[in-house]
Amino acid sequence: TDDVYRVASWLSAQPEIRKTAVKDYIATPKPNGYRSYHMILVLT
């Protein structure tokens, strides 16, 4: 799990992308139990 957040942090810092939205279903799972970290990115 900590790798998930480390990769998310690293991606957010890359100059060729801009993060526009995040949904953290690990911290707040969906009612069915789904756990994942979603990022919407724009390639700049």
PDB file of all heavy atoms in Angstrom:
ATOM      1  N   THR A   1       0.820  -1.209   0.000  1.00  0.00           N
ATOM      2  CA  THR A   1       0.000   0.000   0.000  1.00  0.00           C
ATOM      3  C   THR A   1       0.854   1.259   0.000  1.00  0.00           C
ATOM      4  O   THR A   1       0.536   2.231  -0.700  1.00  0.00           O
ATOM      5  CB  THR A   1      -0.952   0.005   1.206  1.00  0.00           C
ATOM      6  OG1 THR A   1      -1.730  -1.201   1.188  1.00  0.00           O
ATOM      7  CG2 THR A   1      -1.887   1.197   1.169  1.00  0.00           C
ATOM      8  N   ASP A   2       1.943   1.263   0.764  1.00  0.00           N
ATOM      9  CA  ASP A   2       2.754   2.487   0.786  1.00  0.00           C
ATOM     10  C   ASP A   2       3.413   2.751  -0.564  1.00  0.00           C
ATOM     11  O   ASP A   2       3.686   3.896  -0.920  1.00  0.00           O
ATOM     12  CB  ASP A   2       3.774   2.494   1.939  1.00  0.00           C
ATOM     13  CG  ASP A   2       4.933   1.538   1.740  1.00  0.00           C
ATOM     14  OD1 ASP A   2       4.813   0.599   0.930  1.00  0.00           O
ATOM     15  OD2 ASP A   2       5.963   1.716   2.422  1.00  0.00           O
ATOM     16  N   ASP A   3       3.638   1.696  -1.358  1.00  0.00           N
ATOM     17  CA  ASP A   3       4.154   1.890  -2.718  1.00  0.00           C
ATOM     18  C   ASP A   3       3.124   2.610  -3.588  1.00  0.00           C
ATOM     19  O   ASP A   3       3.481   3.439  -4.441  1.00  0.00           O
ATOM     20  CB  ASP A   3       4.503   0.542  -3.365  1.00  0.00           C
ATOM     21  CG  ASP A   3       5.769  -0.068  -2.790  1.00  0.00           C
ATOM     22  OD1 ASP A   3       6.596   0.688  -2.242  1.00  0.00           O
ATOM     23  OD2 ASP A   3       5.927  -1.297  -2.884  1.00  0.00           O
ATOM     24  N   VAL A   4       1.841   2.282  -3.391  1.00  0.00           N
ATOM     25  CA  VAL A   4       0.773   2.960  -4.145  1.00  0.00           C
ATOM     26  C   VAL A   4       0.871   4.463  -3.926  1.00  0.00           C
ATOM     27  O   VAL A   4       0.884   5.255  -4.882  1.00  0.00           O
ATOM     28  CB  VAL A   4      -0.617   2.439  -3.713  1.00  0.00           C
ATOM     29  CG1 VAL A   4      -1.727   3.340  -4.262  1.00  0.00           C
ATOM     30  CG2 VAL A   4      -0.823   1.005  -4.185  1.00  0.00           C
ATOM     31  N   TYR A   5       0.970   4.866  -2.664  1.00  0.00           N
ATOM     32  CA  TYR A   5       1.019   6.299  -2.355  1.00  0.00           C
ATOM     33  C   TYR A   5       2.339   6.926  -2.803  1.00  0.00           C
ATOM     34  O   TYR A   5       2.371   8.086  -3.208  1.00  0.00           O
ATOM     35  CB  TYR A   5       0.783   6.527  -0.860  1.00  0.00           C
ATOM     36  CG  TYR A   5      -0.652   6.261  -0.458  1.00  0.00           C
ATOM     37  CD1 TYR A   5      -0.993   5.143   0.288  1.00  0.00           C
ATOM     38  CD2 TYR A   5      -1.662   7.132  -0.854  1.00  0.00           C
ATOM     39  CE1 TYR A   5      -2.314   4.906   0.646  1.00  0.00           C
ATOM     40  CE2 TYR A   5      -2.981   6.904  -0.503  1.00  0.00           C
ATOM     41  CZ  TYR A   5      -3.300   5.786   0.250  1.00  0.00           C
ATOM     42  OH  TYR A   5      -4.608   5.556   0.591  1.00  0.00           O
ATOM     43  N   ARG A   6       3.421   6.150  -2.742  1.00  0.00           N
ATOM     44  CA  ARG A   6       4.718   6.671  -3.188  1.00  0.00           C
ATOM     45  C   ARG A   6       4.716   6.922  -4.697  1.00  0.00           C
ATOM     46  O   ARG A   6       5.198   7.957  -5.174  1.00  0.00           O
ATOM     47  CB  ARG A   6       5.822   5.681  -2.805  1.00  0.00           C
ATOM     48  CG  ARG A   6       7.224   6.197  -3.012  1.00  0.00           C
ATOM     49  CD  ARG A   6       8.221   5.468  -2.132  1.00  0.00           C
ATOM     50  NE  ARG A   6       8.197   4.029  -2.317  1.00  0.00           N
ATOM     51  CZ  ARG A   6       8.884   3.386  -3.263  1.00  0.00           C
ATOM     52  NH1 ARG A   6       9.641   4.062  -4.108  1.00  0.00           N
ATOM     53  NH2 ARG A   6       8.838   2.084  -3.362  1.00  0.00           N
ATOM     54  N   VAL A   7       4.134   5.990  -5.450  1.00  0.00           N
ATOM     55  CA  VAL A   7       4.048   6.158  -6.905  1.00  0.00           C
ATOM     56  C   VAL A   7       3.128   7.336  -7.237  1.00  0.00           C
ATOM     57  O   VAL A   7       3.437   8.148  -8.116  1.00  0.00           O
ATOM     58  CB  VAL A   7       3.549   4.862  -7.584  1.00  0.00           C
ATOM     59  CG1 VAL A   7       3.298   5.095  -9.076  1.00  0.00           C
ATOM     60  CG2 VAL A   7       4.564   3.734  -7.387  1.00  0.00           C
ATOM     61  N   ALA A   8       2.018   7.454  -6.516  1.00  0.00           N
ATOM     62  CA  ALA A   8       1.086   8.571  -6.750  1.00  0.00           C
ATOM     63  C   ALA A   8       1.777   9.907  -6.506  1.00  0.00           C
ATOM     64  O   ALA A   8       1.627  10.854  -7.287  1.00  0.00           O
ATOM     65  CB  ALA A   8      -0.139   8.430  -5.851  1.00  0.00           C
ATOM     66  N   SER A   9       2.556   9.981  -5.438  1.00  0.00           N
ATOM     67  CA  SER A   9       3.271  11.221  -5.112  1.00  0.00           C
ATOM     68  C   SER A   9       4.320  11.534  -6.172  1.00  0.00           C
ATOM     69  O   SER A   9       4.468  12.685  -6.604  1.00  0.00           O
ATOM     70  CB  SER A   9       3.917  11.075  -3.731  1.00  0.00           C
ATOM     71  OG  SER A   9       4.678  12.208  -3.423  1.00  0.00           O
ATOM     72  N   TRP A  10       5.037  10.507  -6.601  1.00  0.00           N
ATOM     73  CA  TRP A  10       6.071  10.697  -7.627  1.00  0.00           C
ATOM     74  C   TRP A  10       5.442  11.161  -8.943  1.00  0.00           C
ATOM     75  O   TRP A  10       5.936  12.098  -9.589  1.00  0.00           O
ATOM     76  CB  TRP A  10       6.840   9.397  -7.825  1.00  0.00           C
ATOM     77  CG  TRP A  10       7.943   9.508  -8.827  1.00  0.00           C
ATOM     78  CD1 TRP A  10       9.211   9.978  -8.619  1.00  0.00           C
ATOM     79  CD2 TRP A  10       7.880   9.151 -10.219  1.00  0.00           C
ATOM     80  NE1 TRP A  10       9.928   9.939  -9.791  1.00  0.00           N
ATOM     81  CE2 TRP A  10       9.147   9.429 -10.785  1.00  0.00           C
ATOM     82  CE3 TRP A  10       6.881   8.615 -11.025  1.00  0.00           C
ATOM     83  CZ2 TRP A  10       9.435   9.200 -12.126  1.00  0.00           C
ATOM     84  CZ3 TRP A  10       7.165   8.389 -12.371  1.00  0.00           C
ATOM     85  CH2 TRP A  10       8.425   8.673 -12.904  1.00  0.00           C
ATOM     86  N   LEU A  11       4.338  10.516  -9.343  1.00  0.00           N
ATOM     87  CA  LEU A  11       3.671  10.907 -10.585  1.00  0.00           C
ATOM     88  C   LEU A  11       3.203  12.361 -10.528  1.00  0.00           C
ATOM     89  O   LEU A  11       3.345  13.110 -11.493  1.00  0.00           O
ATOM     90  CB  LEU A  11       2.459   9.999 -10.839  1.00  0.00           C
ATOM     91  CG  LEU A  11       2.688   8.719 -11.626  1.00  0.00           C
ATOM     92  CD1 LEU A  11       1.399   7.915 -11.688  1.00  0.00           C
ATOM     93  CD2 LEU A  11       3.201   9.004 -13.023  1.00  0.00           C
ATOM     94  N   SER A  12       2.636  12.743  -9.385  1.00  0.00           N
ATOM     95  CA  SER A  12       2.119  14.105  -9.228  1.00  0.00           C
ATOM     96  C   SER A  12       3.206  15.159  -9.404  1.00  0.00           C
ATOM     97  O   SER A  12       2.915  16.301  -9.781  1.00  0.00           O
ATOM     98  CB  SER A  12       1.479  14.272  -7.848  1.00  0.00           C
ATOM     99  OG  SER A  12       0.390  13.388  -7.700  1.00  0.00           O
ATOM    100  N   ALA A  13       4.447  14.772  -9.134  1.00  0.00           N
ATOM    101  CA  ALA A  13       5.564  15.727  -9.200  1.00  0.00           C
ATOM    102  C   ALA A  13       6.219  15.797 -10.577  1.00  0.00           C
ATOM    103  O   ALA A  13       7.115  16.616 -10.793  1.00  0.00           O
ATOM    104  CB  ALA A  13       6.615  15.355  -8.152  1.00  0.00           C
ATOM    105  N   GLN A  14       5.784  14.962 -11.518  1.00  0.00           N
ATOM    106  CA  GLN A  14       6.436  14.947 -12.831  1.00  0.00           C
ATOM    107  C   GLN A  14       6.031  16.164 -13.660  1.00  0.00           C
ATOM    108  O   GLN A  14       4.848  16.517 -13.733  1.00  0.00           O
ATOM    109  CB  GLN A  14       6.103  13.655 -13.580  1.00  0.00           C
ATOM    110  CG  GLN A  14       6.598  12.405 -12.873  1.00  0.00           C
ATOM    111  CD  GLN A  14       8.046  12.538 -12.428  1.00  0.00           C
ATOM    112  OE1 GLN A  14       8.954  12.667 -13.242  1.00  0.00           O
ATOM    113  NE2 GLN A  14       8.269  12.513 -11.118  1.00  0.00           N
ATOM    114  N   PRO A  15       7.004  16.813 -14.299  1.00  0.00           N
ATOM    115  CA  PRO A  15       6.715  18.062 -15.021  1.00  0.00           C
ATOM    116  C   PRO A  15       5.854  17.887 -16.263  1.00  0.00           C
ATOM    117  O   PRO A  15       5.217  18.840 -16.709  1.00  0.00           O
ATOM    118  CB  PRO A  15       8.111  18.585 -15.395  1.00  0.00           C
ATOM    119  CG  PRO A  15       8.990  17.383 -15.385  1.00  0.00           C
ATOM    120  CD  PRO A  15       8.433  16.469 -14.334  1.00  0.00           C
ATOM    121  N   GLU A  16       5.795  16.681 -16.813  1.00  0.00           N
ATOM    122  CA  GLU A  16       5.042  16.498 -18.056  1.00  0.00           C
ATOM    123  C   GLU A  16       3.564  16.187 -17.832  1.00  0.00           C
ATOM    124  O   GLU A  16       2.821  15.974 -18.791  1.00  0.00           O
ATOM    125  CB  GLU A  16       5.676  15.392 -18.903  1.00  0.00           C
ATOM    126  CG  GLU A  16       5.616  14.016 -18.273  1.00  0.00           C
ATOM    127  CD  GLU A  16       6.658  13.075 -18.861  1.00  0.00           C
ATOM    128  OE1 GLU A  16       7.828  13.168 -18.446  1.00  0.00           O
ATOM    129  OE2 GLU A  16       6.298  12.269 -19.734  1.00  0.00           O
ATOM    130  N   ILE A  17       3.130  16.141 -16.561  1.00  0.00           N
ATOM    131  CA  ILE A  17       1.720  15.887 -16.293  1.00  0.00           C
ATOM    132  C   ILE A  17       1.167  16.893 -15.295  1.00  0.00           C
ATOM    133  O   ILE A  17       1.893  17.468 -14.496  1.00  0.00           O
ATOM    134  CB  ILE A  17       1.477  14.447 -15.766  1.00  0.00           C
ATOM    135  CG1 ILE A  17       2.208  14.216 -14.444  1.00  0.00           C
ATOM    136  CG2 ILE A  17       1.852  13.405 -16.785  1.00  0.00           C
ATOM    137  CD1 ILE A  17       1.831  12.919 -13.785  1.00  0.00           C
ATOM    138  N   ARG A  18      -0.154  17.063 -15.384  1.00  0.00           N
ATOM    139  CA  ARG A  18      -0.867  17.900 -14.412  1.00  0.00           C
ATOM    140  C   ARG A  18      -2.008  17.068 -13.850  1.00  0.00           C
ATOM    141  O   ARG A  18      -2.839  16.546 -14.584  1.00  0.00           O
ATOM    142  CB  ARG A  18      -1.402  19.161 -15.094  1.00  0.00           C
ATOM    143  CG  ARG A  18      -2.239  20.058 -14.191  1.00  0.00           C
ATOM    144  CD  ARG A  18      -2.515  21.406 -14.856  1.00  0.00           C
ATOM    145  NE  ARG A  18      -3.006  21.287 -16.215  1.00  0.00           N
ATOM    146  CZ  ARG A  18      -4.306  21.127 -16.545  1.00  0.00           C
ATOM    147  NH1 ARG A  18      -5.225  21.066 -15.604  1.00  0.00           N
ATOM    148  NH2 ARG A  18      -4.665  21.052 -17.820  1.00  0.00           N
ATOM    149  N   LYS A  19      -2.016  16.927 -12.539  1.00  0.00           N
ATOM    150  CA  LYS A  19      -3.065  16.155 -11.868  1.00  0.00           C
ATOM    151  C   LYS A  19      -4.299  17.040 -11.727  1.00  0.00           C
ATOM    152  O   LYS A  19      -4.217  18.157 -11.230  1.00  0.00           O
ATOM    153  CB  LYS A  19      -2.559  15.703 -10.499  1.00  0.00           C
ATOM    154  CG  LYS A  19      -3.531  14.889  -9.694  1.00  0.00           C
ATOM    155  CD  LYS A  19      -2.893  14.384  -8.405  1.00  0.00           C
ATOM    156  CE  LYS A  19      -2.576  15.544  -7.472  1.00  0.00           C
ATOM    157  NZ  LYS A  19      -1.990  15.099  -6.201  1.00  0.00           N
ATOM    158  N   THR A  20      -5.462  16.533 -12.157  1.00  0.00           N
ATOM    159  CA  THR A  20      -6.686  17.333 -12.073  1.00  0.00           C
ATOM    160  C   THR A  20      -7.691  16.785 -11.056  1.00  0.00           C
ATOM    161  O   THR A  20      -8.552  17.528 -10.597  1.00  0.00           O
ATOM    162  CB  THR A  20      -7.376  17.447 -13.446  1.00  0.00           C
ATOM    163  OG1 THR A  20      -7.759  16.141 -13.892  1.00  0.00           O
ATOM    164  CG2 THR A  20      -6.443  18.082 -14.474  1.00  0.00           C
ATOM    165  N   ALA A  21      -7.590  15.510 -10.714  1.00  0.00           N
ATOM    166  CA  ALA A  21      -8.531  14.939  -9.743  1.00  0.00           C
ATOM    167  C   ALA A  21      -7.946  13.654  -9.151  1.00  0.00           C
ATOM    168  O   ALA A  21      -7.150  12.973  -9.802  1.00  0.00           O
ATOM    169  CB  ALA A  21      -9.876  14.644 -10.391  1.00  0.00           C
ATOM    170  N   VAL A  22      -8.363  13.363  -7.933  1.00  0.00           N
ATOM    171  CA  VAL A  22      -7.940  12.138  -7.239  1.00  0.00           C
ATOM    172  C   VAL A  22      -9.149  11.544  -6.535  1.00  0.00           C
ATOM    173  O   VAL A  22      -9.956  12.282  -5.954  1.00  0.00           O
ATOM    174  CB  VAL A  22      -6.830  12.436  -6.207  1.00  0.00           C
ATOM    175  CG1 VAL A  22      -6.659  11.281  -5.233  1.00  0.00           C
ATOM    176  CG2 VAL A  22      -5.513  12.735  -6.889  1.00  0.00           C
ATOM    177  N   LYS A  23      -9.279  10.232  -6.602  1.00  0.00           N
ATOM    178  CA  LYS A  23     -10.261   9.506  -5.795  1.00  0.00           C
ATOM    179  C   LYS A  23      -9.499   8.402  -5.071  1.00  0.00           C
ATOM    180  O   LYS A  23      -8.972   7.485  -5.706  1.00  0.00           O
ATOM    181  CB  LYS A  23     -11.375   8.924  -6.665  1.00  0.00           C
ATOM    182  CG  LYS A  23     -12.308   9.993  -7.220  1.00  0.00           C
ATOM    183  CD  LYS A  23     -13.442   9.386  -8.010  1.00  0.00           C
ATOM    184  CE  LYS A  23     -14.348  10.471  -8.576  1.00  0.00           C
ATOM    185  NZ  LYS A  23     -15.400   9.923  -9.453  1.00  0.00           N
ATOM    186  N   ASP A  24      -9.442   8.516  -3.750  1.00  0.00           N
ATOM    187  CA  ASP A  24      -8.693   7.552  -2.947  1.00  0.00           C
ATOM    188  C   ASP A  24      -9.661   6.526  -2.357  1.00  0.00           C
ATOM    189  O   ASP A  24     -10.198   6.704  -1.267  1.00  0.00           O
ATOM    190  CB  ASP A  24      -7.927   8.280  -1.838  1.00  0.00           C
ATOM    191  CG  ASP A  24      -6.992   7.349  -1.078  1.00  0.00           C
ATOM    192  OD1 ASP A  24      -7.095   6.113  -1.257  1.00  0.00           O
ATOM    193  OD2 ASP A  24      -6.169   7.848  -0.297  1.00  0.00           O
ATOM    194  N   TYR A  25      -9.850   5.431  -3.110  1.00  0.00           N
ATOM    195  CA  TYR A  25     -10.725   4.363  -2.641  1.00  0.00           C
ATOM    196  C   TYR A  25      -9.983   3.379  -1.731  1.00  0.00           C
ATOM    197  O   TYR A  25     -10.568   2.374  -1.321  1.00  0.00           O
ATOM    198  CB  TYR A  25     -11.326   3.608  -3.830  1.00  0.00           C
ATOM    199  CG  TYR A  25     -12.225   4.455  -4.698  1.00  0.00           C
ATOM    200  CD1 TYR A  25     -11.893   4.714  -6.026  1.00  0.00           C
ATOM    201  CD2 TYR A  25     -13.401   5.001  -4.199  1.00  0.00           C
ATOM    202  CE1 TYR A  25     -12.722   5.488  -6.838  1.00  0.00           C
ATOM    203  CE2 TYR A  25     -14.227   5.779  -5.000  1.00  0.00           C
ATOM    204  CZ  TYR A  25     -13.885   6.012  -6.309  1.00  0.00           C
ATOM    205  OH  TYR A  25     -14.697   6.786  -7.105  1.00  0.00           O
ATOM    206  N   ILE A  26      -8.729   3.669  -1.417  1.00  0.00           N
ATOM    207  CA  ILE A  26      -8.024   2.875  -0.408  1.00  0.00           C
ATOM    208  C   ILE A  26      -8.373   3.440   0.965  1.00  0.00           C
ATOM    209  O   ILE A  26      -8.767   2.707   1.879  1.00  0.00           O
ATOM    210  CB  ILE A  26      -6.501   2.883  -0.650  1.00  0.00           C
ATOM    211  CG1 ILE A  26      -6.162   2.213  -1.987  1.00  0.00           C
ATOM    212  CG2 ILE A  26      -5.770   2.159   0.496  1.00  0.00           C
ATOM    213  CD1 ILE A  26      -4.714   2.315  -2.393  1.00  0.00           C
ATOM    214  N   ALA A  27      -8.257   4.748   1.096  1.00  0.00           N
ATOM    215  CA  ALA A  27      -8.618   5.402   2.355  1.00  0.00           C
ATOM    216  C   ALA A  27     -10.120   5.334   2.608  1.00  0.00           C
ATOM    217  O   ALA A  27     -10.561   5.177   3.748  1.00  0.00           O
ATOM    218  CB  ALA A  27      -8.152   6.856   2.344  1.00  0.00           C
ATOM    219  N   THR A  28     -10.903   5.450   1.525  1.00  0.00           N
ATOM    220  CA  THR A  28     -12.368   5.394   1.632  1.00  0.00           C
ATOM    221  C   THR A  28     -12.888   4.416   0.589  1.00  0.00           C
ATOM    222  O   THR A  28     -13.213   4.814  -0.542  1.00  0.00           O
ATOM    223  CB  THR A  28     -12.986   6.794   1.398  1.00  0.00           C
ATOM    224  OG1 THR A  28     -12.336   7.740   2.242  1.00  0.00           O
ATOM    225  CG2 THR A  28     -14.475   6.792   1.704  1.00  0.00           C
ATOM    226  N   PRO A  29     -12.949   3.124   0.933  1.00  0.00           N
ATOM    227  CA  PRO A  29     -13.371   2.116  -0.054  1.00  0.00           C
ATOM    228  C   PRO A  29     -14.816   2.322  -0.503  1.00  0.00           C
ATOM    229  O   PRO A  29     -15.636   2.895   0.214  1.00  0.00           O
ATOM    230  CB  PRO A  29     -13.239   0.791   0.713  1.00  0.00           C
ATOM    231  CG  PRO A  29     -12.360   1.087   1.880  1.00  0.00           C
ATOM    232  CD  PRO A  29     -12.582   2.523   2.219  1.00  0.00           C
ATOM    233  N   LYS A  30     -15.107   1.838  -1.702  1.00  0.00           N
ATOM    234  CA  LYS A  30     -16.491   1.819  -2.168  1.00  0.00           C
ATOM    235  C   LYS A  30     -17.295   0.835  -1.306  1.00  0.00           C
ATOM    236  O   LYS A  30     -16.710  -0.064  -0.681  1.00  0.00           O
ATOM    237  CB  LYS A  30     -16.546   1.385  -3.640  1.00  0.00           C
ATOM    238  CG  LYS A  30     -16.020   2.435  -4.607  1.00  0.00           C
ATOM    239  CD  LYS A  30     -16.241   1.996  -6.046  1.00  0.00           C
ATOM    240  CE  LYS A  30     -15.773   3.056  -7.031  1.00  0.00           C
ATOM    241  NZ  LYS A  30     -16.032   2.664  -8.437  1.00  0.00           N
ATOM    242  N   PRO A  31     -18.617   0.969  -1.269  1.00  0.00           N
ATOM    243  CA  PRO A  31     -19.432   0.076  -0.434  1.00  0.00           C
ATOM    244  C   PRO A  31     -19.230  -1.410  -0.723  1.00  0.00           C
ATOM    245  O   PRO A  31     -19.351  -2.238   0.181  1.00  0.00           O
ATOM    246  CB  PRO A  31     -20.876   0.501  -0.770  1.00  0.00           C
ATOM    247  CG  PRO A  31     -20.750   1.930  -1.184  1.00  0.00           C
ATOM    248  CD  PRO A  31     -19.424   2.028  -1.892  1.00  0.00           C
ATOM    249  N   ASN A  32     -18.886  -1.746  -1.963  1.00  0.00           N
ATOM    250  CA  ASN A  32     -18.680  -3.158  -2.302  1.00  0.00           C
ATOM    251  C   ASN A  32     -17.303  -3.680  -1.883  1.00  0.00           C
ATOM    252  O   ASN A  32     -16.996  -4.856  -2.053  1.00  0.00           O
ATOM    253  CB  ASN A  32     -18.891  -3.399  -3.798  1.00  0.00           C
ATOM    254  CG  ASN A  32     -17.838  -2.733  -4.668  1.00  0.00           C
ATOM    255  OD1 ASN A  32     -17.006  -1.955  -4.194  1.00  0.00           O
ATOM    256  ND2 ASN A  32     -17.855  -3.033  -5.952  1.00  0.00           N
ATOM    257  N   GLY A  33     -16.451  -2.790  -1.338  1.00  0.00           N
ATOM    258  CA  GLY A  33     -15.125  -3.206  -0.890  1.00  0.00           C
ATOM    259  C   GLY A  33     -13.996  -2.824  -1.825  1.00  0.00           C
ATOM    260  O   GLY A  33     -12.826  -3.053  -1.513  1.00  0.00           O
ATOM    261  N   TYR A  34     -14.315  -2.247  -2.974  1.00  0.00           N
ATOM    262  CA  TYR A  34     -13.296  -1.862  -3.965  1.00  0.00           C
ATOM    263  C   TYR A  34     -12.295  -0.880  -3.366  1.00  0.00           C
ATOM    264  O   TYR A  34     -12.677   0.124  -2.764  1.00  0.00           O
ATOM    265  CB  TYR A  34     -13.988  -1.244  -5.178  1.00  0.00           C
ATOM    266  CG  TYR A  34     -13.045  -0.726  -6.244  1.00  0.00           C
ATOM    267  CD1 TYR A  34     -12.530  -1.581  -7.210  1.00  0.00           C
ATOM    268  CD2 TYR A  34     -12.686   0.618  -6.301  1.00  0.00           C
ATOM    269  CE1 TYR A  34     -11.679  -1.106  -8.214  1.00  0.00           C
ATOM    270  CE2 TYR A  34     -11.836   1.101  -7.288  1.00  0.00           C
ATOM    271  CZ  TYR A  34     -11.339   0.226  -8.233  1.00  0.00           C
ATOM    272  OH  TYR A  34     -10.495   0.697  -9.207  1.00  0.00           O
ATOM    273  N   ARG A  35     -11.001  -1.191  -3.539  1.00  0.00           N
ATOM    274  CA  ARG A  35      -9.932  -0.335  -3.028  1.00  0.00           C
ATOM    275  C   ARG A  35      -8.904  -0.079  -4.131  1.00  0.00           C
ATOM    276  O   ARG A  35      -8.284  -1.015  -4.641  1.00  0.00           O
ATOM    277  CB  ARG A  35      -9.242  -0.996  -1.828  1.00  0.00           C
ATOM    278  CG  ARG A  35     -10.092  -1.014  -0.569  1.00  0.00           C
ATOM    279  CD  ARG A  35      -9.466  -1.909   0.502  1.00  0.00           C
ATOM    280  NE  ARG A  35     -10.104  -1.730   1.791  1.00  0.00           N
ATOM    281  CZ  ARG A  35     -11.211  -2.367   2.179  1.00  0.00           C
ATOM    282  NH1 ARG A  35     -11.804  -3.212   1.351  1.00  0.00           N
ATOM    283  NH2 ARG A  35     -11.720  -2.151   3.383  1.00  0.00           N
ATOM    284  N   SER A  36      -8.746   1.176  -4.470  1.00  0.00           N
ATOM    285  CA  SER A  36      -7.791   1.570  -5.499  1.00  0.00           C
ATOM    286  C   SER A  36      -7.603   3.072  -5.402  1.00  0.00           C
ATOM    287  O   SER A  36      -8.436   3.773  -4.822  1.00  0.00           O
ATOM    288  CB  SER A  36      -8.316   1.175  -6.888  1.00  0.00           C
ATOM    289  OG  SER A  36      -7.345   1.380  -7.887  1.00  0.00           O
ATOM    290  N   TYR A  37      -6.498   3.564  -5.951  1.00  0.00           N
ATOM    291  CA  TYR A  37      -6.205   4.995  -5.946  1.00  0.00           C
ATOM    292  C   TYR A  37      -6.287   5.476  -7.384  1.00  0.00           C
ATOM    293  O   TYR A  37      -5.532   5.016  -8.231  1.00  0.00           O
ATOM    294  CB  TYR A  37      -4.819   5.234  -5.352  1.00  0.00           C
ATOM    295  CG  TYR A  37      -4.482   6.672  -5.068  1.00  0.00           C
ATOM    296  CD1 TYR A  37      -4.705   7.217  -3.812  1.00  0.00           C
ATOM    297  CD2 TYR A  37      -3.933   7.486  -6.054  1.00  0.00           C
ATOM    298  CE1 TYR A  37      -4.392   8.549  -3.541  1.00  0.00           C
ATOM    299  CE2 TYR A  37      -3.619   8.812  -5.793  1.00  0.00           C
ATOM    300  CZ  TYR A  37      -3.854   9.339  -4.527  1.00  0.00           C
ATOM    301  OH  TYR A  37      -3.545  10.648  -4.269  1.00  0.00           O
ATOM    302  N   HIS A  38      -7.223   6.388  -7.675  1.00  0.00           N
ATOM    303  CA  HIS A  38      -7.440   6.860  -9.035  1.00  0.00           C
ATOM    304  C   HIS A  38      -6.942   8.289  -9.194  1.00  0.00           C
ATOM    305  O   HIS A  38      -7.219   9.140  -8.349  1.00  0.00           O
ATOM    306  CB  HIS A  38      -8.927   6.833  -9.384  1.00  0.00           C
ATOM    307  CG  HIS A  38      -9.510   5.466  -9.469  1.00  0.00           C
ATOM    308  ND1 HIS A  38     -10.683   5.205 -10.127  1.00  0.00           N
ATOM    309  CD2 HIS A  38      -9.085   4.270  -8.994  1.00  0.00           C
ATOM    310  CE1 HIS A  38     -10.962   3.909 -10.041  1.00  0.00           C
ATOM    311  NE2 HIS A  38     -10.002   3.331  -9.353  1.00  0.00           N
ATOM    312  N   MET A  39      -6.247   8.543 -10.279  1.00  0.00           N
ATOM    313  CA  MET A  39      -5.771   9.885 -10.607  1.00  0.00           C
ATOM    314  C   MET A  39      -6.196  10.225 -12.023  1.00  0.00           C
ATOM    315  O   MET A  39      -6.032   9.409 -12.940  1.00  0.00           O
ATOM    316  CB  MET A  39      -4.232   9.957 -10.536  1.00  0.00           C
ATOM    317  CG  MET A  39      -3.638   9.517  -9.232  1.00  0.00           C
ATOM    318  SD  MET A  39      -1.814   9.398  -9.333  1.00  0.00           S
ATOM    319  CE  MET A  39      -1.363  11.131  -9.353  1.00  0.00           C
ATOM    320  N   ILE A  40      -6.740  11.425 -12.205  1.00  0.00           N
ATOM    321  CA  ILE A  40      -6.988  11.948 -13.550  1.00  0.00           C
ATOM    322  C   ILE A  40      -5.846  12.900 -13.866  1.00  0.00           C
ATOM    323  O   ILE A  40      -5.570  13.843 -13.123  1.00  0.00           O
ATOM    324  CB  ILE A  40      -8.338  12.682 -13.641  1.00  0.00           C
ATOM    325  CG1 ILE A  40      -9.492  11.747 -13.241  1.00  0.00           C
ATOM    326  CG2 ILE A  40      -8.547  13.225 -15.053  1.00  0.00           C
ATOM    327  CD1 ILE A  40      -9.646  10.527 -14.116  1.00  0.00           C
ATOM    328  N   LEU A  41      -5.151  12.610 -14.967  1.00  0.00           N
ATOM    329  CA  LEU A  41      -3.962  13.370 -15.351  1.00  0.00           C
ATOM    330  C   LEU A  41      -4.125  13.949 -16.750  1.00  0.00           C
ATOM    331  O   LEU A  41      -4.722  13.321 -17.625  1.00  0.00           O
ATOM    332  CB  LEU A  41      -2.732  12.459 -15.343  1.00  0.00           C
ATOM    333  CG  LEU A  41      -2.457  11.644 -14.082  1.00  0.00           C
ATOM    334  CD1 LEU A  41      -1.299  10.692 -14.329  1.00  0.00           C
ATOM    335  CD2 LEU A  41      -2.163  12.553 -12.908  1.00  0.00           C
ATOM    336  N   VAL A  42      -3.565  15.130 -16.942  1.00  0.00           N
ATOM    337  CA  VAL A  42      -3.465  15.717 -18.283  1.00  0.00           C
ATOM    338  C   VAL A  42      -1.988  15.758 -18.648  1.00  0.00           C
ATOM    339  O   VAL A  42      -1.159  16.246 -17.865  1.00  0.00           O
ATOM    340  CB  VAL A  42      -4.051  17.148 -18.322  1.00  0.00           C
ATOM    341  CG1 VAL A  42      -3.864  17.754 -19.708  1.00  0.00           C
ATOM    342  CG2 VAL A  42      -5.521  17.138 -17.939  1.00  0.00           C
ATOM    343  N   LEU A  43      -1.668  15.209 -19.796  1.00  0.00           N
ATOM    344  CA  LEU A  43      -0.289  15.279 -20.278  1.00  0.00           C
ATOM    345  C   LEU A  43      -0.055  16.674 -20.846  1.00  0.00           C
ATOM    346  O   LEU A  43      -0.789  17.129 -21.724  1.00  0.00           O
ATOM    347  CB  LEU A  43      -0.044  14.214 -21.341  1.00  0.00           C
ATOM    348  CG  LEU A  43       0.037  12.780 -20.784  1.00  0.00           C
ATOM    349  CD1 LEU A  43      -0.238  11.771 -21.875  1.00  0.00           C
ATOM    350  CD2 LEU A  43       1.385  12.533 -20.145  1.00  0.00           C
ATOM    351  N   THR A  44       0.940  17.345 -20.321  1.00  0.00           N
ATOM    352  CA  THR A  44       1.199  18.737 -20.732  1.00  0.00           C
ATOM    353  C   THR A  44       2.382  18.863 -21.676  1.00  0.00           C
ATOM    354  O   THR A  44       2.625  19.930 -22.232  1.00  0.00           O
ATOM    355  CB  THR A  44       1.469  19.612 -19.488  1.00  0.00           C
ATOM    356  OG1 THR A  44       2.572  19.056 -18.756  1.00  0.00           O
ATOM    357  CG2 THR A  44       0.246  19.665 -18.578  1.00  0.00           C
TER     358      THR A  44
END
